[in-house]
Amino acid sequence: MKLHHVTHGEGTPVLAIHGWTPDHRLMTGCLEPVFANLPGYRRLYPDLPAMGQSPVGDIDSSDGILAAVEEFIDEHIGDEPFLLIGESYGGYLARALTRARPQQVTGLAMICPIGTVVENADRRLPEHVVLRSEPGVRESLGPDEDFTDIAVVETAAALEAYRRDIAPGLAAADTTAIERILKKRELTTDPEDGPPYERPTLIVCGRQDAVVGFEDQYALLPHYPRATFAVLDVAGHNLQIEQPELFDGLVREWLRRVADET
């Protein structure tokens, strides 16, 4: 399985894993501005199987997706220490990778990750609300744009970021394969089935995230004793484009913590 990916920069590897159905652009869009003035990092952004430009082959489960990411790490990072960032479903995979490679992953960051409850219907979720809006944004949407489905911030800037970073990946996904994998989305092995991960960690959630919520993530804290756990107001599942300044600051602080210990 050869995963399509893009790479930026040189130095310490940083593997960034996007969420369910978008592609690598979700991660480059929010992370490249953070790394723009931070030399010394090689950022790797793969498309997960069945998403973006990556093929799916016969993969039919999250176990298969995780195995494909492991192969990607072996090929492009090897046994070199690396930082790991995951968004939503990518956060779920990142936890599993950290369990498998606790000595190799020198820092873990999760953006609106799936928490302790994988299945959507069982999650503790707030109601969807819109807390910030600008005139004309809704009126500017095309008939097939679903920006408002989960948006908490409906501004021109958020819509521009959504159109640039998120919508193209959603349109490129192999929906037939996605539905097949969805039936086996829960990993066979619990990502927290092992010793606590005791390196710098960041868990950032949206207070108004009606997709994965924030309560089921709080239960992760005992397993990540070095975690900063931030729940941002006026932020939903697209937190990175709804509170970009706070997001930027939290990621930079996490990178400083990791650098201090490596």
C-alpha atoms as a PDB file:
ATOM      1  CA  MET A   1       0.000   0.000   0.000  1.00  0.00           C
ATOM      2  CA  LYS A   2       1.589   3.252  -1.177  1.00  0.00           C
ATOM      3  CA  LEU A   3      -0.038   6.240   0.499  1.00  0.00           C
ATOM      4  CA  HIS A   4      -0.031   9.512  -1.392  1.00  0.00           C
ATOM      5  CA  HIS A   5       1.646  12.183   0.689  1.00  0.00           C
ATOM      6  CA  VAL A   6       3.298  15.584   0.644  1.00  0.00           C
ATOM      7  CA  THR A   7       6.391  16.583   2.609  1.00  0.00           C
ATOM      8  CA  HIS A   8       7.648  20.001   3.673  1.00  0.00           C
ATOM      9  CA  GLY A   9      10.857  21.028   5.384  1.00  0.00           C
ATOM     10  CA  GLU A  10      13.892  19.188   6.745  1.00  0.00           C
ATOM     11  CA  GLY A  11      14.783  17.937  10.203  1.00  0.00           C
ATOM     12  CA  THR A  12      12.871  16.100  12.913  1.00  0.00           C
ATOM     13  CA  PRO A  13       9.976  14.155  11.360  1.00  0.00           C
ATOM     14  CA  VAL A  14       6.443  15.274  12.192  1.00  0.00           C
ATOM     15  CA  LEU A  15       3.718  12.901  11.016  1.00  0.00           C
ATOM     16  CA  ALA A  16       0.287  14.537  10.664  1.00  0.00           C
ATOM     17  CA  ILE A  17      -2.790  12.329  10.177  1.00  0.00           C
ATOM     18  CA  HIS A  18      -6.082  13.801   8.977  1.00  0.00           C
ATOM     19  CA  GLY A  19      -9.581  12.752  10.022  1.00  0.00           C
ATOM     20  CA  TRP A  20     -12.358  10.660   8.542  1.00  0.00           C
ATOM     21  CA  THR A  21     -12.947  11.417   4.795  1.00  0.00           C
ATOM     22  CA  PRO A  22     -10.944  14.653   4.247  1.00  0.00           C
ATOM     23  CA  ASP A  23      -7.325  14.423   3.047  1.00  0.00           C
ATOM     24  CA  HIS A  24      -3.886  15.789   3.886  1.00  0.00           C
ATOM     25  CA  ARG A  25      -4.944  19.353   3.043  1.00  0.00           C
ATOM     26  CA  LEU A  26      -6.889  19.542   6.294  1.00  0.00           C
ATOM     27  CA  MET A  27      -3.564  19.187   8.122  1.00  0.00           C
ATOM     28  CA  THR A  28      -1.340  21.274   5.857  1.00  0.00           C
ATOM     29  CA  GLY A  29      -3.859  24.090   6.023  1.00  0.00           C
ATOM     30  CA  CYS A  30      -3.682  24.458   9.790  1.00  0.00           C
ATOM     31  CA  LEU A  31      -0.134  23.259  10.508  1.00  0.00           C
ATOM     32  CA  GLU A  32       2.001  24.821   7.802  1.00  0.00           C
ATOM     33  CA  PRO A  33       1.322  28.342   9.149  1.00  0.00           C
ATOM     34  CA  VAL A  34       2.589  27.094  12.541  1.00  0.00           C
ATOM     35  CA  PHE A  35       5.798  25.651  11.078  1.00  0.00           C
ATOM     36  CA  ALA A  36       6.418  28.512   8.623  1.00  0.00           C
ATOM     37  CA  ASN A  37       8.909  30.203  10.964  1.00  0.00           C
ATOM     38  CA  LEU A  38      10.061  27.100  12.830  1.00  0.00           C
ATOM     39  CA  PRO A  39      13.003  25.491  11.006  1.00  0.00           C
ATOM     40  CA  GLY A  40      14.195  21.997  11.789  1.00  0.00           C
ATOM     41  CA  TYR A  41      11.031  19.956  11.167  1.00  0.00           C
ATOM     42  CA  ARG A  42      10.211  17.611   8.275  1.00  0.00           C
ATOM     43  CA  ARG A  43       6.430  17.487   8.040  1.00  0.00           C
ATOM     44  CA  LEU A  44       4.859  14.417   6.439  1.00  0.00           C
ATOM     45  CA  TYR A  45       1.205  14.573   5.419  1.00  0.00           C
ATOM     46  CA  PRO A  46      -0.229  11.293   4.035  1.00  0.00           C
ATOM     47  CA  ASP A  47      -3.687  10.668   2.636  1.00  0.00           C
ATOM     48  CA  LEU A  48      -5.270   7.747   4.462  1.00  0.00           C
ATOM     49  CA  PRO A  49      -6.461   4.762   2.360  1.00  0.00           C
ATOM     50  CA  ALA A  50      -9.670   5.540   0.402  1.00  0.00           C
ATOM     51  CA  MET A  51      -9.156   9.248   1.039  1.00  0.00           C
ATOM     52  CA  GLY A  52      -7.510  11.923  -1.061  1.00  0.00           C
ATOM     53  CA  GLN A  53      -5.288  10.285  -3.662  1.00  0.00           C
ATOM     54  CA  SER A  54      -4.469   7.124  -1.695  1.00  0.00           C
ATOM     55  CA  PRO A  55      -5.853   3.793  -2.949  1.00  0.00           C
ATOM     56  CA  VAL A  56      -7.787   1.505  -0.633  1.00  0.00           C
ATOM     57  CA  GLY A  57      -6.964  -1.939  -2.021  1.00  0.00           C
ATOM     58  CA  ASP A  58      -8.727  -4.609   0.026  1.00  0.00           C
ATOM     59  CA  ILE A  59      -8.675  -2.666   3.304  1.00  0.00           C
ATOM     60  CA  ASP A  60     -11.992  -3.057   5.117  1.00  0.00           C
ATOM     61  CA  SER A  61     -11.262  -1.927   8.688  1.00  0.00           C
ATOM     62  CA  SER A  62      -9.412   0.555  10.882  1.00  0.00           C
ATOM     63  CA  ASP A  63      -6.931  -2.224  11.613  1.00  0.00           C
ATOM     64  CA  GLY A  64      -6.097  -2.221   7.896  1.00  0.00           C
ATOM     65  CA  ILE A  65      -5.754   1.553   7.795  1.00  0.00           C
ATOM     66  CA  LEU A  66      -3.492   1.473  10.853  1.00  0.00           C
ATOM     67  CA  ALA A  67      -1.315  -1.185   9.202  1.00  0.00           C
ATOM     68  CA  ALA A  68      -0.984   1.011   6.093  1.00  0.00           C
ATOM     69  CA  VAL A  69       0.147   3.954   8.232  1.00  0.00           C
ATOM     70  CA  GLU A  70       2.659   1.704  10.005  1.00  0.00           C
ATOM     71  CA  GLU A  71       4.077   0.728   6.607  1.00  0.00           C
ATOM     72  CA  PHE A  72       4.280   4.420   5.677  1.00  0.00           C
ATOM     73  CA  ILE A  73       6.257   5.129   8.864  1.00  0.00           C
ATOM     74  CA  ASP A  74       8.620   2.242   8.214  1.00  0.00           C
ATOM     75  CA  GLU A  75       9.275   3.498   4.677  1.00  0.00           C
ATOM     76  CA  HIS A  76       9.535   7.238   5.234  1.00  0.00           C
ATOM     77  CA  ILE A  77      10.670   7.595   8.872  1.00  0.00           C
ATOM     78  CA  GLY A  78      12.174   4.223   9.754  1.00  0.00           C
ATOM     79  CA  ASP A  79      13.299   3.970  13.364  1.00  0.00           C
ATOM     80  CA  GLU A  80      13.949   7.717  13.716  1.00  0.00           C
ATOM     81  CA  PRO A  81      12.156   9.487  16.603  1.00  0.00           C
ATOM     82  CA  PHE A  82       9.198  11.559  15.410  1.00  0.00           C
ATOM     83  CA  LEU A  83       6.364  13.807  16.554  1.00  0.00           C
ATOM     84  CA  LEU A  84       2.794  12.735  15.906  1.00  0.00           C
ATOM     85  CA  ILE A  85      -0.300  14.866  15.281  1.00  0.00           C
ATOM     86  CA  GLY A  86      -3.786  13.489  14.605  1.00  0.00           C
ATOM     87  CA  GLU A  87      -7.122  15.157  13.907  1.00  0.00           C
ATOM     88  CA  SER A  88     -10.461  13.483  14.786  1.00  0.00           C
ATOM     89  CA  TYR A  89     -10.197   9.893  13.481  1.00  0.00           C
ATOM     90  CA  GLY A  90      -6.527  10.635  12.903  1.00  0.00           C
ATOM     91  CA  GLY A  91      -6.253  11.254  16.641  1.00  0.00           C
ATOM     92  CA  TYR A  92      -7.668   7.790  17.260  1.00  0.00           C
ATOM     93  CA  LEU A  93      -5.038   6.289  14.949  1.00  0.00           C
ATOM     94  CA  ALA A  94      -2.333   8.442  16.553  1.00  0.00           C
ATOM     95  CA  ARG A  95      -3.157   7.014  19.976  1.00  0.00           C
ATOM     96  CA  ALA A  96      -2.804   3.494  18.552  1.00  0.00           C
ATOM     97  CA  LEU A  97       0.536   4.371  16.956  1.00  0.00           C
ATOM     98  CA  THR A  98       1.754   5.813  20.243  1.00  0.00           C
ATOM     99  CA  ARG A  99       0.800   2.561  21.981  1.00  0.00           C
ATOM    100  CA  ALA A 100       2.754   0.590  19.358  1.00  0.00           C
ATOM    101  CA  ARG A 101       5.795   2.915  19.304  1.00  0.00           C
ATOM    102  CA  PRO A 102       6.001   4.620  22.726  1.00  0.00           C
ATOM    103  CA  GLN A 103       9.765   5.106  22.560  1.00  0.00           C
ATOM    104  CA  GLN A 104       9.767   6.420  18.996  1.00  0.00           C
ATOM    105  CA  VAL A 105       6.947   8.979  19.360  1.00  0.00           C
ATOM    106  CA  THR A 106       8.532  11.866  21.250  1.00  0.00           C
ATOM    107  CA  GLY A 107       5.357  13.957  21.438  1.00  0.00           C
ATOM    108  CA  LEU A 108       1.661  13.485  20.693  1.00  0.00           C
ATOM    109  CA  ALA A 109      -0.887  16.146  19.723  1.00  0.00           C
ATOM    110  CA  MET A 110      -4.567  15.541  19.053  1.00  0.00           C
ATOM    111  CA  ILE A 111      -7.029  17.966  17.469  1.00  0.00           C
ATOM    112  CA  CYS A 112     -10.721  17.264  18.153  1.00  0.00           C
ATOM    113  CA  PRO A 113      -9.891  13.562  18.502  1.00  0.00           C
ATOM    114  CA  ILE A 114     -12.325  10.702  18.822  1.00  0.00           C
ATOM    115  CA  GLY A 115     -12.400  10.005  22.551  1.00  0.00           C
ATOM    116  CA  THR A 116     -13.075   6.847  24.509  1.00  0.00           C
ATOM    117  CA  VAL A 117     -16.302   6.203  22.542  1.00  0.00           C
ATOM    118  CA  VAL A 118     -15.748   5.338  18.890  1.00  0.00           C
ATOM    119  CA  GLU A 119     -19.314   4.880  17.670  1.00  0.00           C
ATOM    120  CA  ASN A 120     -21.080   8.161  16.883  1.00  0.00           C
ATOM    121  CA  ALA A 121     -24.419   7.167  18.412  1.00  0.00           C
ATOM    122  CA  ASP A 122     -22.876   6.491  21.832  1.00  0.00           C
ATOM    123  CA  ARG A 123     -20.924   9.716  22.220  1.00  0.00           C
ATOM    124  CA  ARG A 124     -21.828  12.483  24.669  1.00  0.00           C
ATOM    125  CA  LEU A 125     -22.378  15.449  22.386  1.00  0.00           C
ATOM    126  CA  PRO A 126     -23.563  19.043  22.760  1.00  0.00           C
ATOM    127  CA  GLU A 127     -26.239  20.380  20.460  1.00  0.00           C
ATOM    128  CA  HIS A 128     -24.997  22.075  17.313  1.00  0.00           C
ATOM    129  CA  VAL A 129     -25.028  25.858  17.682  1.00  0.00           C
ATOM    130  CA  VAL A 130     -23.705  28.824  15.717  1.00  0.00           C
ATOM    131  CA  LEU A 131     -21.986  31.363  17.978  1.00  0.00           C
ATOM    132  CA  ARG A 132     -20.293  33.675  15.506  1.00  0.00           C
ATOM    133  CA  SER A 133     -21.490  34.687  12.047  1.00  0.00           C
ATOM    134  CA  GLU A 134     -21.108  37.342   9.406  1.00  0.00           C
ATOM    135  CA  PRO A 135     -23.727  38.675   7.011  1.00  0.00           C
ATOM    136  CA  GLY A 136     -23.752  37.157   3.561  1.00  0.00           C
ATOM    137  CA  VAL A 137     -21.817  33.978   4.365  1.00  0.00           C
ATOM    138  CA  ARG A 138     -24.782  31.619   4.160  1.00  0.00           C
ATOM    139  CA  GLU A 139     -26.078  33.391   1.090  1.00  0.00           C
ATOM    140  CA  SER A 140     -22.726  32.842  -0.661  1.00  0.00           C
ATOM    141  CA  LEU A 141     -22.848  29.042  -0.342  1.00  0.00           C
ATOM    142  CA  GLY A 142     -23.377  26.833  -3.361  1.00  0.00           C
ATOM    143  CA  PRO A 143     -26.256  24.323  -3.374  1.00  0.00           C
ATOM    144  CA  ASP A 144     -23.976  21.376  -2.511  1.00  0.00           C
ATOM    145  CA  GLU A 145     -21.761  23.060   0.091  1.00  0.00           C
ATOM    146  CA  ASP A 146     -22.252  21.593   3.568  1.00  0.00           C
ATOM    147  CA  PHE A 147     -20.175  24.166   5.439  1.00  0.00           C
ATOM    148  CA  THR A 148     -22.996  25.017   7.849  1.00  0.00           C
ATOM    149  CA  ASP A 149     -23.668  21.406   8.875  1.00  0.00           C
ATOM    150  CA  ILE A 150     -21.147  21.501  11.728  1.00  0.00           C
ATOM    151  CA  ALA A 151     -19.838  25.093  11.663  1.00  0.00           C
ATOM    152  CA  VAL A 152     -19.919  27.005  14.946  1.00  0.00           C
ATOM    153  CA  VAL A 153     -18.197  29.999  13.340  1.00  0.00           C
ATOM    154  CA  GLU A 154     -19.794  31.143  10.077  1.00  0.00           C
ATOM    155  CA  THR A 155     -17.428  33.842   8.883  1.00  0.00           C
ATOM    156  CA  ALA A 156     -15.854  34.577   5.533  1.00  0.00           C
ATOM    157  CA  ALA A 157     -12.430  33.543   6.838  1.00  0.00           C
ATOM    158  CA  ALA A 158     -13.709  30.212   8.168  1.00  0.00           C
ATOM    159  CA  LEU A 159     -15.555  29.526   4.912  1.00  0.00           C
ATOM    160  CA  GLU A 160     -12.437  30.306   2.863  1.00  0.00           C
ATOM    161  CA  ALA A 161     -10.393  27.872   4.977  1.00  0.00           C
ATOM    162  CA  TYR A 162     -13.102  25.228   4.692  1.00  0.00           C
ATOM    163  CA  ARG A 163     -13.188  25.544   0.899  1.00  0.00           C
ATOM    164  CA  ARG A 164      -9.394  25.393   0.701  1.00  0.00           C
ATOM    165  CA  ASP A 165      -8.507  22.762   3.304  1.00  0.00           C
ATOM    166  CA  ILE A 166     -11.523  20.517   3.903  1.00  0.00           C
ATOM    167  CA  ALA A 167     -14.048  20.442   1.059  1.00  0.00           C
ATOM    168  CA  PRO A 168     -11.626  19.193  -1.648  1.00  0.00           C
ATOM    169  CA  GLY A 169     -10.749  16.146   0.422  1.00  0.00           C
ATOM    170  CA  LEU A 170     -14.377  15.361   1.180  1.00  0.00           C
ATOM    171  CA  ALA A 171     -15.135  15.435  -2.545  1.00  0.00           C
ATOM    172  CA  ALA A 172     -12.212  13.110  -3.356  1.00  0.00           C
ATOM    173  CA  ALA A 173     -13.054  10.346  -0.863  1.00  0.00           C
ATOM    174  CA  ASP A 174     -13.959   6.855  -2.076  1.00  0.00           C
ATOM    175  CA  THR A 175     -17.408   6.761  -0.500  1.00  0.00           C
ATOM    176  CA  THR A 176     -18.024   3.085  -1.283  1.00  0.00           C
ATOM    177  CA  ALA A 177     -14.835   2.040   0.487  1.00  0.00           C
ATOM    178  CA  ILE A 178     -15.512   4.466   3.323  1.00  0.00           C
ATOM    179  CA  GLU A 179     -18.875   2.814   3.994  1.00  0.00           C
ATOM    180  CA  ARG A 180     -17.223  -0.611   3.975  1.00  0.00           C
ATOM    181  CA  ILE A 181     -14.543   0.408   6.462  1.00  0.00           C
ATOM    182  CA  LEU A 182     -17.063   2.198   8.664  1.00  0.00           C
ATOM    183  CA  LYS A 183     -18.537  -1.174   9.649  1.00  0.00           C
ATOM    184  CA  LYS A 184     -15.208  -2.072  11.298  1.00  0.00           C
ATOM    185  CA  ARG A 185     -14.064   1.357  12.410  1.00  0.00           C
ATOM    186  CA  GLU A 186     -13.217   0.303  15.973  1.00  0.00           C
ATOM    187  CA  LEU A 187      -9.665  -0.954  16.339  1.00  0.00           C
ATOM    188  CA  THR A 188      -9.217  -4.498  17.601  1.00  0.00           C
ATOM    189  CA  THR A 189      -6.808  -3.322  20.303  1.00  0.00           C
ATOM    190  CA  ASP A 190      -7.721  -0.402  22.555  1.00  0.00           C
ATOM    191  CA  PRO A 191      -5.129   2.372  22.031  1.00  0.00           C
ATOM    192  CA  GLU A 192      -4.853   2.797  25.797  1.00  0.00           C
ATOM    193  CA  ASP A 193      -4.302  -0.925  26.444  1.00  0.00           C
ATOM    194  CA  GLY A 194      -0.786  -0.514  27.755  1.00  0.00           C
ATOM    195  CA  PRO A 195       1.388   1.659  30.007  1.00  0.00           C
ATOM    196  CA  PRO A 196       0.628   5.393  30.202  1.00  0.00           C
ATOM    197  CA  TYR A 197       2.298   7.590  27.618  1.00  0.00           C
ATOM    198  CA  GLU A 198       4.518   9.922  29.640  1.00  0.00           C
ATOM    199  CA  ARG A 199       5.765  12.389  27.055  1.00  0.00           C
ATOM    200  CA  PRO A 200       4.465  15.878  26.141  1.00  0.00           C
ATOM    201  CA  THR A 201       0.912  15.626  24.868  1.00  0.00           C
ATOM    202  CA  LEU A 202      -1.721  18.076  23.658  1.00  0.00           C
ATOM    203  CA  ILE A 203      -5.451  17.339  23.497  1.00  0.00           C
ATOM    204  CA  VAL A 204      -7.459  20.262  22.145  1.00  0.00           C
ATOM    205  CA  CYS A 205     -11.247  20.047  21.817  1.00  0.00           C
ATOM    206  CA  GLY A 206     -14.111  22.306  20.818  1.00  0.00           C
ATOM    207  CA  ARG A 207     -16.659  23.135  23.518  1.00  0.00           C
ATOM    208  CA  GLN A 208     -19.396  23.119  20.866  1.00  0.00           C
ATOM    209  CA  ASP A 209     -18.086  20.101  18.909  1.00  0.00           C
ATOM    210  CA  ALA A 210     -21.240  18.178  17.980  1.00  0.00           C
ATOM    211  CA  VAL A 211     -19.300  15.468  16.096  1.00  0.00           C
ATOM    212  CA  VAL A 212     -16.933  13.980  18.709  1.00  0.00           C
ATOM    213  CA  GLY A 213     -17.707  16.204  21.697  1.00  0.00           C
ATOM    214  CA  PHE A 214     -15.237  16.865  24.509  1.00  0.00           C
ATOM    215  CA  GLU A 215     -16.431  14.812  27.488  1.00  0.00           C
ATOM    216  CA  ASP A 216     -15.269  11.445  26.173  1.00  0.00           C
ATOM    217  CA  GLN A 217     -11.780  12.883  25.683  1.00  0.00           C
ATOM    218  CA  TYR A 218     -11.463  13.948  29.317  1.00  0.00           C
ATOM    219  CA  ALA A 219     -11.421  10.266  30.267  1.00  0.00           C
ATOM    220  CA  LEU A 220      -8.134   9.895  28.348  1.00  0.00           C
ATOM    221  CA  LEU A 221      -6.188  12.067  30.781  1.00  0.00           C
ATOM    222  CA  PRO A 222      -5.036   9.360  33.223  1.00  0.00           C
ATOM    223  CA  HIS A 223      -3.297   7.599  30.331  1.00  0.00           C
ATOM    224  CA  TYR A 224      -1.539  10.809  29.229  1.00  0.00           C
ATOM    225  CA  PRO A 225      -0.126  12.354  32.449  1.00  0.00           C
ATOM    226  CA  ARG A 226       1.843  14.998  30.491  1.00  0.00           C
ATOM    227  CA  ALA A 227      -1.186  16.219  28.562  1.00  0.00           C
ATOM    228  CA  THR A 228      -2.374  19.783  28.226  1.00  0.00           C
ATOM    229  CA  PHE A 229      -6.142  19.400  27.865  1.00  0.00           C
ATOM    230  CA  ALA A 230      -7.818  22.460  26.331  1.00  0.00           C
ATOM    231  CA  VAL A 231     -11.522  22.875  25.595  1.00  0.00           C
ATOM    232  CA  LEU A 232     -12.022  25.991  23.488  1.00  0.00           C
ATOM    233  CA  ASP A 233     -15.232  28.004  23.510  1.00  0.00           C
ATOM    234  CA  VAL A 234     -16.671  29.166  20.166  1.00  0.00           C
ATOM    235  CA  ALA A 235     -15.203  26.094  18.489  1.00  0.00           C
ATOM    236  CA  GLY A 236     -16.717  23.008  16.931  1.00  0.00           C
ATOM    237  CA  HIS A 237     -15.240  20.063  15.071  1.00  0.00           C
ATOM    238  CA  ASN A 238     -13.383  22.429  12.734  1.00  0.00           C
ATOM    239  CA  LEU A 239     -11.686  24.078  15.679  1.00  0.00           C
ATOM    240  CA  GLN A 240      -8.472  24.691  13.741  1.00  0.00           C
ATOM    241  CA  ILE A 241     -10.231  27.124  11.368  1.00  0.00           C
ATOM    242  CA  GLU A 242     -12.614  28.580  13.955  1.00  0.00           C
ATOM    243  CA  GLN A 243     -10.039  29.493  16.626  1.00  0.00           C
ATOM    244  CA  PRO A 244      -6.817  29.676  14.575  1.00  0.00           C
ATOM    245  CA  GLU A 245      -4.905  31.966  16.940  1.00  0.00           C
ATOM    246  CA  LEU A 246      -5.507  29.770  19.988  1.00  0.00           C
ATOM    247  CA  PHE A 247      -4.795  26.663  17.945  1.00  0.00           C
ATOM    248  CA  ASP A 248      -1.500  28.125  16.737  1.00  0.00           C
ATOM    249  CA  GLY A 249      -0.427  29.064  20.264  1.00  0.00           C
ATOM    250  CA  LEU A 250      -1.266  25.677  21.760  1.00  0.00           C
ATOM    251  CA  VAL A 251       0.612  23.764  19.057  1.00  0.00           C
ATOM    252  CA  ARG A 252       3.656  26.005  19.396  1.00  0.00           C
ATOM    253  CA  GLU A 253       3.687  25.526  23.169  1.00  0.00           C
ATOM    254  CA  TRP A 254       3.485  21.746  22.708  1.00  0.00           C
ATOM    255  CA  LEU A 255       6.407  21.867  20.260  1.00  0.00           C
ATOM    256  CA  ARG A 256       8.442  23.801  22.853  1.00  0.00           C
ATOM    257  CA  ARG A 257       7.690  21.173  25.499  1.00  0.00           C
ATOM    258  CA  VAL A 258       8.778  18.383  23.162  1.00  0.00           C
ATOM    259  CA  ALA A 259      11.960  20.256  22.168  1.00  0.00           C
ATOM    260  CA  ASP A 260      12.875  20.804  25.817  1.00  0.00           C
ATOM    261  CA  GLU A 261      12.994  17.048  26.370  1.00  0.00           C
ATOM    262  CA  THR A 262      14.716  15.864  23.185  1.00  0.00           C
END
